[in-house]
N, C-alpha and C. Protein backbone atom coordinates (compact mmCIF):
# COMPACT_ATOMS: atom_id res chain seq x y z
N MET A 1 13.26 -12.48 16.42
CA MET A 1 13.27 -11.15 16.56
C MET A 1 12.56 -10.23 15.83
N ASN A 2 12.84 -11.07 14.16
CA ASN A 2 12.34 -10.68 12.98
C ASN A 2 10.40 -10.98 13.21
N LEU A 3 10.31 -12.16 13.89
CA LEU A 3 8.94 -12.53 13.73
C LEU A 3 8.05 -11.04 14.71
N ILE A 4 9.14 -10.94 15.27
CA ILE A 4 7.97 -9.46 16.17
C ILE A 4 7.97 -8.62 15.52
N ALA A 5 9.17 -8.07 14.85
CA ALA A 5 8.67 -6.93 14.24
C ALA A 5 8.10 -7.13 12.62
N ILE A 6 8.06 -7.97 12.58
CA ILE A 6 7.17 -8.54 11.41
C ILE A 6 5.31 -8.01 12.04
N PHE A 7 5.62 -8.77 12.81
CA PHE A 7 3.81 -8.85 13.65
C PHE A 7 3.71 -7.63 14.05
N ILE A 8 4.22 -6.95 15.09
CA ILE A 8 3.93 -5.43 15.45
C ILE A 8 3.84 -4.58 13.78
N GLY A 9 4.74 -4.95 13.09
CA GLY A 9 4.69 -3.80 11.60
C GLY A 9 3.15 -4.07 10.91
N GLY A 10 2.97 -5.49 11.21
CA GLY A 10 1.50 -5.84 10.21
C GLY A 10 0.07 -5.18 11.12
N GLY A 11 0.59 -5.01 12.19
CA GLY A 11 -0.61 -4.63 13.01
C GLY A 11 -0.74 -3.08 12.82
N LEU A 12 0.74 -3.10 12.68
CA LEU A 12 0.34 -1.09 12.61
C LEU A 12 -0.19 -0.58 11.12
N GLY A 13 0.55 -1.67 9.85
CA GLY A 13 0.14 -0.96 8.54
C GLY A 13 -1.57 -1.45 8.53
N SER A 14 -2.28 -2.72 9.47
CA SER A 14 -3.62 -3.20 8.79
C SER A 14 -4.20 -1.86 9.72
N LEU A 15 -4.09 -1.20 10.83
CA LEU A 15 -4.58 -0.43 11.32
C LEU A 15 -4.19 1.25 10.73
N ALA A 16 -3.56 1.33 10.08
CA ALA A 16 -3.23 2.63 9.27
C ALA A 16 -4.20 2.77 8.39
N ARG A 17 -3.99 0.95 6.97
CA ARG A 17 -4.90 0.51 6.25
C ARG A 17 -6.00 1.82 6.83
N PHE A 18 -6.99 0.49 8.03
CA PHE A 18 -8.67 0.46 8.08
C PHE A 18 -8.84 2.51 8.64
N ALA A 19 -7.46 3.12 9.35
CA ALA A 19 -8.34 4.72 9.64
C ALA A 19 -8.25 4.89 8.16
N LEU A 20 -7.15 5.01 6.99
CA LEU A 20 -6.62 5.69 5.63
C LEU A 20 -8.05 5.30 4.93
N SER A 21 -9.02 4.02 4.83
CA SER A 21 -9.80 3.80 4.55
C SER A 21 -11.24 4.37 5.30
N MET A 22 -11.01 4.46 6.49
CA MET A 22 -12.40 5.32 6.67
C MET A 22 -12.57 6.67 6.63
N PHE A 23 -11.40 7.04 7.09
CA PHE A 23 -10.88 8.21 6.84
C PHE A 23 -12.02 8.83 4.88
N PHE A 24 -11.60 7.98 3.88
CA PHE A 24 -12.18 8.15 2.45
C PHE A 24 -13.40 7.94 2.66
N LEU A 25 -13.58 6.89 3.27
CA LEU A 25 -15.42 6.78 3.39
C LEU A 25 -15.89 7.45 3.80
N SER A 26 -15.90 8.18 4.95
CA SER A 26 -16.56 9.55 6.02
C SER A 26 -16.75 10.83 4.93
N ARG A 27 -15.67 10.81 4.38
CA ARG A 27 -15.55 12.11 3.21
C ARG A 27 -15.22 12.46 1.87
N PHE A 28 -15.53 11.06 1.13
CA PHE A 28 -15.57 11.05 -0.45
C PHE A 28 -16.74 10.35 -0.69
N LYS A 29 -17.72 10.69 -1.40
CA LYS A 29 -18.29 9.50 -2.24
C LYS A 29 -18.41 9.29 -3.25
N SER A 30 -17.61 8.54 -3.98
CA SER A 30 -17.25 7.66 -4.88
C SER A 30 -17.36 5.89 -5.63
N TYR A 31 -17.67 5.92 -6.60
CA TYR A 31 -17.69 3.80 -6.84
C TYR A 31 -16.44 4.15 -6.73
N LEU A 32 -15.23 4.76 -7.28
CA LEU A 32 -13.59 4.11 -6.79
C LEU A 32 -13.79 3.72 -5.25
N PRO A 33 -13.00 2.88 -4.48
CA PRO A 33 -12.56 2.88 -3.55
C PRO A 33 -10.80 3.54 -3.03
N TRP A 34 -11.01 4.40 -3.38
CA TRP A 34 -9.92 5.41 -2.88
C TRP A 34 -8.87 5.16 -1.22
N GLY A 35 -9.83 4.83 -0.91
CA GLY A 35 -9.11 4.67 0.28
C GLY A 35 -8.29 3.46 0.66
N THR A 36 -8.50 2.43 -0.41
CA THR A 36 -7.48 1.01 -1.24
C THR A 36 -6.70 1.61 -1.54
N ILE A 37 -6.31 3.00 -2.87
CA ILE A 37 -6.00 3.03 -3.43
C ILE A 37 -4.74 3.90 -3.26
N ALA A 38 -5.53 4.50 -1.84
CA ALA A 38 -4.25 5.72 -0.90
C ALA A 38 -2.89 4.20 -0.83
N ALA A 39 -4.03 3.84 0.09
CA ALA A 39 -2.94 2.42 1.23
C ALA A 39 -2.27 1.99 0.34
N ASN A 40 -2.18 1.16 -1.08
CA ASN A 40 -1.91 1.24 -1.96
C ASN A 40 -0.90 1.38 -2.65
N ALA A 41 -0.61 3.01 -2.96
CA ALA A 41 -0.25 3.31 -3.39
C ALA A 41 1.21 4.13 -1.88
N LEU A 42 0.49 5.27 -1.03
CA LEU A 42 1.55 5.06 -0.26
C LEU A 42 2.27 3.74 0.63
N ALA A 43 1.99 2.55 0.22
CA ALA A 43 2.60 1.63 0.74
C ALA A 43 4.20 1.28 -0.59
N CYS A 44 3.52 1.24 -2.16
CA CYS A 44 4.33 1.86 -2.61
C CYS A 44 5.58 2.42 -2.32
N ILE A 45 5.26 3.45 -1.98
CA ILE A 45 6.13 4.74 -1.66
C ILE A 45 7.13 4.37 -0.67
N VAL A 46 6.55 3.84 0.22
CA VAL A 46 6.93 3.46 1.68
C VAL A 46 7.91 2.20 1.33
N LEU A 47 8.00 1.11 0.66
CA LEU A 47 8.26 0.53 0.25
C LEU A 47 9.57 0.66 -1.09
N ALA A 48 9.58 1.46 -1.57
CA ALA A 48 10.72 1.78 -2.37
C ALA A 48 11.36 2.70 -1.63
N ILE A 49 11.46 3.43 -0.84
CA ILE A 49 11.96 4.26 -0.05
C ILE A 49 13.00 3.41 0.81
N VAL A 50 12.46 2.30 1.50
CA VAL A 50 12.63 1.45 2.60
C VAL A 50 13.95 1.10 1.45
N PHE A 51 14.11 0.16 0.57
CA PHE A 51 14.74 -0.79 -0.13
C PHE A 51 16.11 0.22 -0.75
N ILE A 52 15.52 1.23 -1.01
CA ILE A 52 16.71 2.09 -1.53
C ILE A 52 17.74 2.89 -0.07
N ARG A 53 17.03 3.38 0.70
CA ARG A 53 17.97 4.04 1.57
C ARG A 53 18.05 3.43 2.67
N PHE A 54 17.66 2.39 2.27
CA PHE A 54 17.38 1.95 4.39
C PHE A 54 18.58 0.65 3.60
N ASN A 55 19.62 0.10 2.62
CA ASN A 55 19.76 -0.97 2.59
C ASN A 55 21.41 -0.92 3.28
N GLU A 56 22.08 0.29 3.59
CA GLU A 56 22.51 0.91 4.59
C GLU A 56 23.07 0.31 6.26
N VAL A 57 21.53 0.52 6.18
CA VAL A 57 21.09 0.58 8.04
C VAL A 57 20.67 -1.23 8.07
N ASP A 58 20.95 -2.05 7.47
CA ASP A 58 20.98 -4.07 7.47
C ASP A 58 21.43 -3.94 8.62
N LEU A 59 22.87 -3.61 9.02
CA LEU A 59 24.18 -4.40 9.68
C LEU A 59 23.45 -3.24 11.31
N GLU A 60 23.14 -2.41 11.69
CA GLU A 60 22.65 -1.49 12.27
C GLU A 60 21.72 -1.53 13.22
N ARG A 61 20.47 -2.09 12.27
CA ARG A 61 19.17 -1.44 12.94
C ARG A 61 18.82 -3.07 11.52
N PRO A 62 18.87 -4.33 12.07
CA PRO A 62 18.51 -5.77 11.06
C PRO A 62 17.48 -5.28 11.42
N LEU A 63 16.42 -5.32 12.24
CA LEU A 63 14.52 -5.70 12.32
C LEU A 63 14.25 -4.69 11.92
N LEU A 64 14.42 -3.03 11.45
CA LEU A 64 13.91 -2.09 10.64
C LEU A 64 13.24 -2.25 9.06
N LYS A 65 13.71 -3.81 8.33
CA LYS A 65 13.19 -3.79 7.04
C LYS A 65 11.90 -4.54 7.04
N PRO A 66 12.15 -5.85 8.15
CA PRO A 66 11.28 -7.01 8.41
C PRO A 66 10.35 -6.14 8.96
N LEU A 67 10.54 -5.10 9.94
CA LEU A 67 9.34 -4.55 10.54
C LEU A 67 8.39 -3.47 9.81
N LEU A 68 9.13 -3.21 8.92
CA LEU A 68 8.19 -1.91 7.47
C LEU A 68 8.15 -2.92 6.30
N ILE A 69 9.13 -3.34 5.86
CA ILE A 69 8.78 -3.83 4.18
C ILE A 69 7.61 -4.97 4.54
N ILE A 70 7.91 -6.24 5.26
CA ILE A 70 7.28 -7.71 5.07
C ILE A 70 5.86 -6.84 6.50
N GLY A 71 6.33 -6.33 7.15
CA GLY A 71 5.24 -6.27 8.30
C GLY A 71 4.01 -4.68 7.61
N PHE A 72 4.55 -3.65 8.00
CA PHE A 72 4.04 -2.44 7.93
C PHE A 72 3.67 -2.24 6.51
N CYS A 73 4.62 -2.03 5.69
CA CYS A 73 4.00 -2.13 3.71
C CYS A 73 2.75 -3.55 3.77
N GLY A 74 3.59 -4.79 3.82
CA GLY A 74 2.32 -6.20 4.07
C GLY A 74 0.69 -5.45 4.75
N GLY A 75 0.91 -5.07 5.93
CA GLY A 75 -0.18 -4.90 6.89
C GLY A 75 -0.99 -3.77 6.14
N PHE A 76 -0.34 -2.65 5.80
CA PHE A 76 -0.72 -1.50 4.65
C PHE A 76 -0.94 -1.27 3.04
N SER A 77 -0.99 -2.40 2.43
CA SER A 77 -1.04 -2.52 1.31
C SER A 77 -2.29 -3.54 1.20
N THR A 78 -2.75 -3.96 0.07
CA THR A 78 -3.98 -4.73 0.71
C THR A 78 -4.58 -5.45 -1.12
N PHE A 79 -3.58 -5.92 -1.75
CA PHE A 79 -4.44 -7.07 -3.12
C PHE A 79 -5.66 -7.37 -3.27
N SER A 80 -5.80 -8.28 -1.79
CA SER A 80 -6.91 -9.14 -1.81
C SER A 80 -8.34 -7.51 -1.30
N THR A 81 -8.31 -7.18 -0.73
CA THR A 81 -9.69 -5.91 -0.60
C THR A 81 -9.41 -4.93 -2.25
N PHE A 82 -8.17 -5.04 -3.09
CA PHE A 82 -7.84 -4.28 -4.18
C PHE A 82 -8.83 -5.62 -5.41
N SER A 83 -8.71 -6.25 -5.38
CA SER A 83 -9.21 -7.47 -5.81
C SER A 83 -10.97 -7.55 -5.58
N TYR A 84 -11.42 -7.60 -4.42
CA TYR A 84 -12.86 -7.76 -3.97
C TYR A 84 -13.50 -6.70 -4.39
N GLU A 85 -12.39 -5.94 -4.34
CA GLU A 85 -13.61 -3.97 -5.14
C GLU A 85 -13.90 -4.08 -5.93
N THR A 86 -12.88 -4.74 -6.71
CA THR A 86 -12.61 -4.93 -8.39
C THR A 86 -13.78 -5.67 -8.91
N ILE A 87 -13.95 -6.68 -8.14
CA ILE A 87 -15.14 -7.74 -8.63
C ILE A 87 -16.30 -6.62 -8.33
N GLU A 88 -16.99 -6.31 -7.41
CA GLU A 88 -18.06 -5.78 -6.54
C GLU A 88 -18.45 -5.12 -7.29
N LEU A 89 -17.52 -3.99 -7.95
CA LEU A 89 -17.75 -2.65 -9.39
C LEU A 89 -18.44 -3.94 -10.39
N ILE A 90 -17.55 -4.71 -10.90
CA ILE A 90 -18.65 -5.26 -11.66
C ILE A 90 -19.44 -5.89 -11.48
N ARG A 91 -19.76 -6.91 -10.56
CA ARG A 91 -21.16 -7.34 -10.01
C ARG A 91 -22.20 -6.43 -10.66
N SER A 92 -21.90 -5.34 -9.73
CA SER A 92 -22.92 -3.92 -9.45
C SER A 92 -23.24 -3.36 -10.57
N GLY A 93 -22.63 -3.68 -11.48
CA GLY A 93 -22.87 -3.34 -13.53
C GLY A 93 -21.72 -2.05 -13.21
N ASN A 94 -20.31 -1.28 -12.57
CA ASN A 94 -19.64 -0.40 -12.92
C ASN A 94 -18.71 -1.18 -13.69
N THR A 95 -18.91 -1.49 -14.79
CA THR A 95 -17.48 -2.02 -15.01
C THR A 95 -16.48 -0.84 -15.51
N ILE A 96 -16.77 0.31 -16.19
CA ILE A 96 -16.15 1.09 -16.50
C ILE A 96 -15.39 1.07 -15.22
N TYR A 97 -16.01 1.76 -13.99
CA TYR A 97 -15.26 1.50 -12.85
C TYR A 97 -14.29 0.88 -12.26
N ALA A 98 -14.42 -0.15 -12.93
CA ALA A 98 -13.58 -1.59 -12.20
C ALA A 98 -12.49 -1.21 -13.37
N VAL A 99 -12.61 -1.33 -14.39
CA VAL A 99 -11.44 -0.60 -15.06
C VAL A 99 -10.82 -0.03 -14.60
N ALA A 100 -11.00 0.90 -14.14
CA ALA A 100 -10.22 2.36 -13.91
C ALA A 100 -9.80 2.00 -12.80
N ASN A 101 -10.38 1.38 -11.78
CA ASN A 101 -9.78 1.22 -10.83
C ASN A 101 -8.58 0.46 -10.76
N VAL A 102 -8.73 -0.74 -11.61
CA VAL A 102 -7.34 -1.52 -11.98
C VAL A 102 -6.16 -0.62 -12.71
N LEU A 103 -6.70 0.36 -13.66
CA LEU A 103 -5.98 1.37 -14.36
C LEU A 103 -5.29 2.46 -13.21
N ILE A 104 -6.16 3.24 -12.47
CA ILE A 104 -5.72 3.87 -11.88
C ILE A 104 -4.69 2.79 -10.59
N SER A 105 -4.67 1.93 -10.10
CA SER A 105 -3.87 1.45 -8.98
C SER A 105 -2.65 0.97 -9.50
N LEU A 106 -2.96 0.42 -11.25
CA LEU A 106 -1.26 0.00 -11.60
C LEU A 106 -0.61 1.23 -11.83
N LEU A 107 -1.09 1.77 -12.34
CA LEU A 107 -0.50 2.82 -13.14
C LEU A 107 0.44 3.81 -11.73
N LEU A 108 -0.77 3.55 -10.89
CA LEU A 108 -0.18 4.82 -9.71
C LEU A 108 0.52 4.10 -9.59
N CYS A 109 1.15 2.77 -8.80
CA CYS A 109 1.58 1.92 -7.74
C CYS A 109 3.10 1.81 -8.69
N LEU A 110 3.17 1.03 -9.97
CA LEU A 110 4.57 1.60 -10.59
C LEU A 110 5.04 2.69 -10.71
N GLY A 111 3.82 3.84 -11.58
CA GLY A 111 4.56 4.99 -11.18
C GLY A 111 5.37 5.49 -10.53
N LEU A 112 4.52 5.18 -9.02
CA LEU A 112 5.35 6.19 -7.63
C LEU A 112 6.61 5.04 -7.24
N ILE A 113 6.51 3.61 -7.70
CA ILE A 113 7.50 2.95 -7.34
C ILE A 113 8.99 3.90 -8.16
N TYR A 114 8.77 3.70 -9.54
CA TYR A 114 9.36 4.50 -10.85
C TYR A 114 10.13 5.78 -9.86
N ILE A 115 9.25 6.33 -9.58
CA ILE A 115 9.46 8.22 -9.25
C ILE A 115 10.59 7.46 -8.33
N ALA A 116 9.74 7.26 -7.01
CA ALA A 116 10.58 7.12 -5.71
C ALA A 116 12.44 6.85 -6.42
N GLN A 117 12.76 5.84 -6.73
CA GLN A 117 13.78 5.33 -7.09
C GLN A 117 14.27 5.95 -8.13
N LYS A 118 13.76 7.01 -8.77
CA LYS A 118 14.76 8.17 -9.69
C LYS A 118 14.97 9.24 -8.62
N VAL A 119 14.07 9.48 -7.23
CA VAL A 119 14.76 10.48 -6.33
C VAL A 119 15.27 10.57 -5.37
N PHE A 120 14.87 9.47 -4.54
CA PHE A 120 15.73 8.47 -3.72
C PHE A 120 16.70 7.70 -3.46
N ALA A 121 17.40 7.22 -4.76
CA ALA A 121 18.55 6.51 -5.20
C ALA A 121 19.83 7.42 -5.31
N PRO A 122 20.96 6.98 -4.76
CA PRO A 122 22.05 7.38 -4.21
C PRO A 122 23.04 8.03 -5.90
């Protein structure tokens, strides 16, 4: 059953990431890949909240964590796309944007997890 939960969560996360990326591409013209940045940031928030708030739910709903953490967050976040987009920025001569992408992504995602732990921890 865990595999099915992960499969469903991963599919939903991937679809959500695609929709978010299309939203940003259609609305904002920028060198920075805001859709990927937003997806990774939101996945970090979901991951932190699930880890913090759903520990006591393990026995009641054992499929919730694999569905959300491994499945949804794994499908929604994307290190490979982040890496590819960063390399493409460098290859196209936009090194400053590549560095900005790395710094924004790392600082934002780490910061959001830190803040979520402070806000949502019991």
